[in-house]
Amino acid sequence: MKQDFLKKVKEKRGFKLLGMDVGGRKIGLALAELEMNITTPFSIIERKSVSHDRAKILSIIDENMVAGIVVGVPLVLGNIT
């Protein structure tokens, strides 16, 4: 399944993947350049509301030709150190 997804995304030349690390106060974003196999940090969104967060993410998707989104899932929930 993962290989099928990546194959379909790579067929869209120039498109990127958006990586998201969603936290309670911030959303960390990274863009993956598929042709070069490089992922770089992109931005941090300070969370305000669902509509604000969604508008910011959709704007980034449109401006950067994003073909897919990968959302990180924490291994441990909560602020345990």
C-alpha atoms as a PDB file:
ATOM      1  CA  MET A   1       0.000   0.000   0.000  1.00  0.00           C
ATOM      2  CA  LYS A   2       2.800   2.455   0.898  1.00  0.00           C
ATOM      3  CA  GLN A   3       4.642   1.714  -2.366  1.00  0.00           C
ATOM      4  CA  ASP A   4       1.446   2.218  -4.411  1.00  0.00           C
ATOM      5  CA  PHE A   5       0.865   5.606  -2.769  1.00  0.00           C
ATOM      6  CA  LEU A   6       4.436   6.776  -3.370  1.00  0.00           C
ATOM      7  CA  LYS A   7       4.339   5.561  -6.978  1.00  0.00           C
ATOM      8  CA  LYS A   8       1.172   7.571  -7.657  1.00  0.00           C
ATOM      9  CA  VAL A   9       2.624  10.683  -6.016  1.00  0.00           C
ATOM     10  CA  LYS A  10       5.920  10.398  -7.927  1.00  0.00           C
ATOM     11  CA  GLU A  11       3.973  10.266 -11.203  1.00  0.00           C
ATOM     12  CA  LYS A  12       2.886  13.856 -10.499  1.00  0.00           C
ATOM     13  CA  ARG A  13       6.121  15.595 -11.472  1.00  0.00           C
ATOM     14  CA  GLY A  14       6.979  18.642  -9.382  1.00  0.00           C
ATOM     15  CA  PHE A  15       4.507  17.794  -6.654  1.00  0.00           C
ATOM     16  CA  LYS A  16       5.524  17.397  -3.001  1.00  0.00           C
ATOM     17  CA  LEU A  17       4.458  15.601   0.136  1.00  0.00           C
ATOM     18  CA  LEU A  18       3.527  17.640   3.204  1.00  0.00           C
ATOM     19  CA  GLY A  19       4.638  16.146   6.517  1.00  0.00           C
ATOM     20  CA  MET A  20       2.682  17.258   9.581  1.00  0.00           C
ATOM     21  CA  ASP A  21       3.573  16.907  13.256  1.00  0.00           C
ATOM     22  CA  VAL A  22       0.367  17.939  15.020  1.00  0.00           C
ATOM     23  CA  GLY A  23       0.628  19.093  18.614  1.00  0.00           C
ATOM     24  CA  GLY A  24      -1.751  20.774  21.019  1.00  0.00           C
ATOM     25  CA  ARG A  25      -0.299  24.265  20.486  1.00  0.00           C
ATOM     26  CA  LYS A  26       1.662  23.999  17.245  1.00  0.00           C
ATOM     27  CA  ILE A  27       1.691  22.121  13.949  1.00  0.00           C
ATOM     28  CA  GLY A  28       5.144  21.455  12.506  1.00  0.00           C
ATOM     29  CA  LEU A  29       5.326  21.207   8.709  1.00  0.00           C
ATOM     30  CA  ALA A  30       7.934  19.771   6.348  1.00  0.00           C
ATOM     31  CA  LEU A  31       7.964  19.441   2.556  1.00  0.00           C
ATOM     32  CA  ALA A  32       9.356  16.405   0.752  1.00  0.00           C
ATOM     33  CA  GLU A  33      10.885  16.871  -2.703  1.00  0.00           C
ATOM     34  CA  LEU A  34      10.194  13.441  -4.186  1.00  0.00           C
ATOM     35  CA  GLU A  35      12.493  13.682  -7.195  1.00  0.00           C
ATOM     36  CA  MET A  36      15.478  14.428  -4.935  1.00  0.00           C
ATOM     37  CA  ASN A  37      14.396  12.303  -1.924  1.00  0.00           C
ATOM     38  CA  ILE A  38      14.850  15.337   0.339  1.00  0.00           C
ATOM     39  CA  THR A  39      12.592  16.498   3.157  1.00  0.00           C
ATOM     40  CA  THR A  40      13.137  19.903   4.723  1.00  0.00           C
ATOM     41  CA  PRO A  41      11.468  21.763   7.582  1.00  0.00           C
ATOM     42  CA  PHE A  42       8.979  24.273   6.179  1.00  0.00           C
ATOM     43  CA  SER A  43       6.957  26.096   8.817  1.00  0.00           C
ATOM     44  CA  ILE A  44       5.336  26.029  12.227  1.00  0.00           C
ATOM     45  CA  ILE A  45       1.693  27.002  12.610  1.00  0.00           C
ATOM     46  CA  GLU A  46       0.613  28.390  15.970  1.00  0.00           C
ATOM     47  CA  ARG A  47      -2.759  26.751  16.525  1.00  0.00           C
ATOM     48  CA  LYS A  48      -5.696  29.130  17.057  1.00  0.00           C
ATOM     49  CA  SER A  49      -8.858  27.380  15.848  1.00  0.00           C
ATOM     50  CA  VAL A  50      -9.797  24.561  13.520  1.00  0.00           C
ATOM     51  CA  SER A  51     -10.882  26.992  10.799  1.00  0.00           C
ATOM     52  CA  HIS A  52      -7.649  29.032  11.129  1.00  0.00           C
ATOM     53  CA  ASP A  53      -5.447  25.922  11.076  1.00  0.00           C
ATOM     54  CA  ARG A  54      -7.326  24.444   8.102  1.00  0.00           C
ATOM     55  CA  ALA A  55      -7.076  27.706   6.110  1.00  0.00           C
ATOM     56  CA  LYS A  56      -3.304  27.946   6.717  1.00  0.00           C
ATOM     57  CA  ILE A  57      -2.730  24.299   5.723  1.00  0.00           C
ATOM     58  CA  LEU A  58      -4.902  24.569   2.580  1.00  0.00           C
ATOM     59  CA  SER A  59      -3.038  27.719   1.554  1.00  0.00           C
ATOM     60  CA  ILE A  60       0.313  25.929   1.953  1.00  0.00           C
ATOM     61  CA  ILE A  61      -1.007  22.950  -0.055  1.00  0.00           C
ATOM     62  CA  ASP A  62      -2.093  25.214  -2.929  1.00  0.00           C
ATOM     63  CA  GLU A  63       1.079  27.339  -2.953  1.00  0.00           C
ATOM     64  CA  ASN A  64       3.480  24.359  -2.879  1.00  0.00           C
ATOM     65  CA  MET A  65       1.843  21.831  -5.214  1.00  0.00           C
ATOM     66  CA  VAL A  66       1.280  19.250  -2.475  1.00  0.00           C
ATOM     67  CA  ALA A  67       0.105  15.863  -3.777  1.00  0.00           C
ATOM     68  CA  GLY A  68      -0.157  14.042  -0.448  1.00  0.00           C
ATOM     69  CA  ILE A  69      -0.043  14.526   3.306  1.00  0.00           C
ATOM     70  CA  VAL A  70       1.761  12.407   5.901  1.00  0.00           C
ATOM     71  CA  VAL A  71       0.683  12.949   9.511  1.00  0.00           C
ATOM     72  CA  GLY A  72       2.994  11.845  12.320  1.00  0.00           C
ATOM     73  CA  VAL A  73       1.448   9.832  15.130  1.00  0.00           C
ATOM     74  CA  PRO A  74       3.075  10.171  18.578  1.00  0.00           C
ATOM     75  CA  LEU A  75       4.364   7.013  20.185  1.00  0.00           C
ATOM     76  CA  VAL A  76       3.412   8.359  23.609  1.00  0.00           C
ATOM     77  CA  LEU A  77       0.466  10.629  24.295  1.00  0.00           C
ATOM     78  CA  GLY A  78       0.784  13.490  26.742  1.00  0.00           C
ATOM     79  CA  ASN A  79       3.749  15.528  27.900  1.00  0.00           C
ATOM     80  CA  ILE A  80       5.699  12.631  29.395  1.00  0.00           C
ATOM     81  CA  THR A  81       9.475  13.080  29.399  1.00  0.00           C
END
